[in-house]
C-alpha atoms as a PDB file:
ATOM      1  CA  MET A   1     -34.276  -9.589  20.765  1.00  0.00           C
ATOM      2  CA  ALA A   2     -30.531 -10.251  20.748  1.00  0.00           C
ATOM      3  CA  TRP A   3     -30.479  -9.943  16.956  1.00  0.00           C
ATOM      4  CA  LEU A   4     -32.137  -6.527  17.099  1.00  0.00           C
ATOM      5  CA  PHE A   5     -29.593  -5.376  19.660  1.00  0.00           C
ATOM      6  CA  LEU A   6     -26.790  -6.660  17.427  1.00  0.00           C
ATOM      7  CA  ALA A   7     -28.218  -4.904  14.351  1.00  0.00           C
ATOM      8  CA  GLY A   8     -28.410  -1.661  16.322  1.00  0.00           C
ATOM      9  CA  ALA A   9     -24.841  -2.158  17.542  1.00  0.00           C
ATOM     10  CA  ILE A  10     -23.632  -2.610  13.965  1.00  0.00           C
ATOM     11  CA  LEU A  11     -25.425   0.491  12.694  1.00  0.00           C
ATOM     12  CA  SER A  12     -24.218   2.586  15.648  1.00  0.00           C
ATOM     13  CA  GLU A  13     -20.619   1.449  15.194  1.00  0.00           C
ATOM     14  CA  VAL A  14     -20.741   2.255  11.475  1.00  0.00           C
ATOM     15  CA  GLY A  15     -22.227   5.671  12.271  1.00  0.00           C
ATOM     16  CA  GLY A  16     -19.451   6.324  14.773  1.00  0.00           C
ATOM     17  CA  THR A  17     -16.800   5.272  12.281  1.00  0.00           C
ATOM     18  CA  LEU A  18     -18.230   7.434   9.505  1.00  0.00           C
ATOM     19  CA  SER A  19     -18.335  10.334  11.973  1.00  0.00           C
ATOM     20  CA  LEU A  20     -14.680   9.639  12.739  1.00  0.00           C
ATOM     21  CA  ARG A  21     -13.929  10.183   9.060  1.00  0.00           C
ATOM     22  CA  MET A  22     -15.682  13.560   9.251  1.00  0.00           C
ATOM     23  CA  VAL A  23     -13.598  14.540  12.310  1.00  0.00           C
ATOM     24  CA  SER A  24     -10.436  13.617  10.405  1.00  0.00           C
ATOM     25  CA  THR A  25     -11.299  16.235   7.772  1.00  0.00           C
ATOM     26  CA  GLY A  26     -11.394  18.991  10.379  1.00  0.00           C
ATOM     27  CA  ARG A  27     -15.072  18.929  11.254  1.00  0.00           C
ATOM     28  CA  ARG A  28     -14.694  18.744  15.032  1.00  0.00           C
ATOM     29  CA  ALA A  29     -18.462  18.914  15.664  1.00  0.00           C
ATOM     30  CA  TRP A  30     -18.693  15.310  14.431  1.00  0.00           C
ATOM     31  CA  LEU A  31     -16.706  14.179  17.480  1.00  0.00           C
ATOM     32  CA  ALA A  32     -20.037  13.920  19.326  1.00  0.00           C
ATOM     33  CA  GLY A  33     -21.197  11.445  16.672  1.00  0.00           C
ATOM     34  CA  VAL A  34     -18.069   9.368  17.219  1.00  0.00           C
ATOM     35  CA  LEU A  35     -18.545   9.241  20.982  1.00  0.00           C
ATOM     36  CA  VAL A  36     -22.283   8.582  20.881  1.00  0.00           C
ATOM     37  CA  GLY A  37     -21.945   6.037  18.066  1.00  0.00           C
ATOM     38  CA  TYR A  38     -19.370   3.939  19.889  1.00  0.00           C
ATOM     39  CA  LEU A  39     -21.069   4.273  23.276  1.00  0.00           C
ATOM     40  CA  VAL A  40     -24.394   3.108  21.823  1.00  0.00           C
ATOM     41  CA  ALA A  41     -22.677   0.358  19.821  1.00  0.00           C
ATOM     42  CA  PHE A  42     -20.934  -1.148  22.840  1.00  0.00           C
ATOM     43  CA  SER A  43     -24.069  -0.783  24.969  1.00  0.00           C
ATOM     44  CA  LEU A  44     -26.186  -2.625  22.410  1.00  0.00           C
ATOM     45  CA  LEU A  45     -23.513  -5.274  21.951  1.00  0.00           C
ATOM     46  CA  LEU A  46     -23.577  -5.776  25.716  1.00  0.00           C
ATOM     47  CA  LEU A  47     -27.372  -6.176  25.596  1.00  0.00           C
ATOM     48  CA  ALA A  48     -27.092  -8.740  22.781  1.00  0.00           C
ATOM     49  CA  LEU A  49     -24.646 -10.745  24.878  1.00  0.00           C
ATOM     50  CA  ALA A  50     -26.801 -10.396  27.989  1.00  0.00           C
ATOM     51  CA  ASP A  51     -29.746 -11.715  25.965  1.00  0.00           C
ATOM     52  CA  GLY A  52     -27.858 -14.953  25.350  1.00  0.00           C
ATOM     53  CA  MET A  53     -26.004 -14.458  22.082  1.00  0.00           C
ATOM     54  CA  ALA A  54     -22.626 -16.200  22.037  1.00  0.00           C
ATOM     55  CA  LEU A  55     -19.627 -13.864  22.157  1.00  0.00           C
ATOM     56  CA  GLY A  56     -17.910 -15.402  19.126  1.00  0.00           C
ATOM     57  CA  VAL A  57     -21.037 -15.074  17.029  1.00  0.00           C
ATOM     58  CA  ALA A  58     -21.898 -11.559  18.210  1.00  0.00           C
ATOM     59  CA  TYR A  59     -18.411 -10.123  17.872  1.00  0.00           C
ATOM     60  CA  GLY A  60     -17.709 -11.865  14.565  1.00  0.00           C
ATOM     61  CA  ILE A  61     -20.891 -10.621  12.953  1.00  0.00           C
ATOM     62  CA  TRP A  62     -20.543  -7.159  14.511  1.00  0.00           C
ATOM     63  CA  ALA A  63     -16.976  -6.662  13.316  1.00  0.00           C
ATOM     64  CA  ALA A  64     -17.387  -8.223   9.866  1.00  0.00           C
ATOM     65  CA  SER A  65     -20.643  -6.446   9.093  1.00  0.00           C
ATOM     66  CA  GLY A  66     -19.184  -3.153  10.287  1.00  0.00           C
ATOM     67  CA  VAL A  67     -16.190  -3.496   7.978  1.00  0.00           C
ATOM     68  CA  ALA A  68     -18.313  -4.390   4.956  1.00  0.00           C
ATOM     69  CA  LEU A  69     -20.940  -1.709   5.545  1.00  0.00           C
ATOM     70  CA  THR A  70     -18.324   0.970   6.239  1.00  0.00           C
ATOM     71  CA  ALA A  71     -16.467   0.136   3.008  1.00  0.00           C
ATOM     72  CA  VAL A  72     -19.636   0.353   0.915  1.00  0.00           C
ATOM     73  CA  LEU A  73     -20.912   3.545   2.545  1.00  0.00           C
ATOM     74  CA  SER A  74     -17.472   5.190   2.295  1.00  0.00           C
ATOM     75  CA  ARG A  75     -17.622   4.671  -1.446  1.00  0.00           C
ATOM     76  CA  PHE A  76     -20.866   6.637  -1.705  1.00  0.00           C
ATOM     77  CA  LEU A  77     -20.331   9.228   1.025  1.00  0.00           C
ATOM     78  CA  PHE A  78     -16.622   9.999   0.606  1.00  0.00           C
ATOM     79  CA  SER A  79     -15.868   8.764  -2.940  1.00  0.00           C
ATOM     80  CA  GLU A  80     -13.349   6.291  -1.562  1.00  0.00           C
ATOM     81  CA  PRO A  81     -12.300   3.414  -3.804  1.00  0.00           C
ATOM     82  CA  LEU A  82     -14.270   0.175  -3.867  1.00  0.00           C
ATOM     83  CA  THR A  83     -12.366  -2.157  -6.182  1.00  0.00           C
ATOM     84  CA  TRP A  84     -13.389  -5.608  -7.319  1.00  0.00           C
ATOM     85  CA  VAL A  85     -10.857  -7.063  -4.872  1.00  0.00           C
ATOM     86  CA  MET A  86     -12.556  -5.169  -2.047  1.00  0.00           C
ATOM     87  CA  GLY A  87     -15.929  -6.404  -3.350  1.00  0.00           C
ATOM     88  CA  LEU A  88     -14.606  -9.953  -3.261  1.00  0.00           C
ATOM     89  CA  GLY A  89     -13.487  -9.338   0.301  1.00  0.00           C
ATOM     90  CA  ILE A  90     -16.993  -8.206   1.228  1.00  0.00           C
ATOM     91  CA  VAL A  91     -18.443 -11.354  -0.360  1.00  0.00           C
ATOM     92  CA  LEU A  92     -15.987 -13.448   1.660  1.00  0.00           C
ATOM     93  CA  ILE A  93     -16.963 -11.560   4.830  1.00  0.00           C
ATOM     94  CA  VAL A  94     -20.632 -12.342   4.188  1.00  0.00           C
ATOM     95  CA  GLY A  95     -19.732 -15.990   3.586  1.00  0.00           C
ATOM     96  CA  GLY A  96     -17.690 -16.077   6.768  1.00  0.00           C
ATOM     97  CA  VAL A  97     -20.528 -14.597   8.794  1.00  0.00           C
ATOM     98  CA  LEU A  98     -22.897 -17.213   7.398  1.00  0.00           C
ATOM     99  CA  LEU A  99     -20.441 -19.977   8.306  1.00  0.00           C
ATOM    100  CA  ILE A 100     -20.075 -18.593  11.827  1.00  0.00           C
ATOM    101  CA  GLU A 101     -23.851 -18.525  12.278  1.00  0.00           C
ATOM    102  CA  THR A 102     -24.268 -21.998  10.820  1.00  0.00           C
ATOM    103  CA  GLY A 103     -21.471 -23.350  12.997  1.00  0.00           C
ATOM    104  CA  ALA A 104     -23.012 -21.828  16.116  1.00  0.00           C
ATOM    105  CA  ALA A 105     -26.251 -23.677  15.428  1.00  0.00           C
ATOM    106  CA  HIS A 106     -24.512 -27.065  15.686  1.00  0.00           C
END
């Protein structure tokens, strides 16, 4: 169950961050999306931790996945750049997350 909570926390945080981008362009109505997104994200992260997930694993995966997913979605939603260097960074993030998970299992 902790993994489902973490997945929900990641998606909510990304939604809140993308809403923040909308607010920055003058669309104040998206402020509700920012507040709800972050509130839900932290609540679900709390539930993942309460369900026994280690803090280092949960926070590392949450933060890294959020960065990678936000970068990719920003490319499609806002036409922001996604260079090969950024793509390499995303690959390294995925590798780092896998190493964190593997290390936590030992």
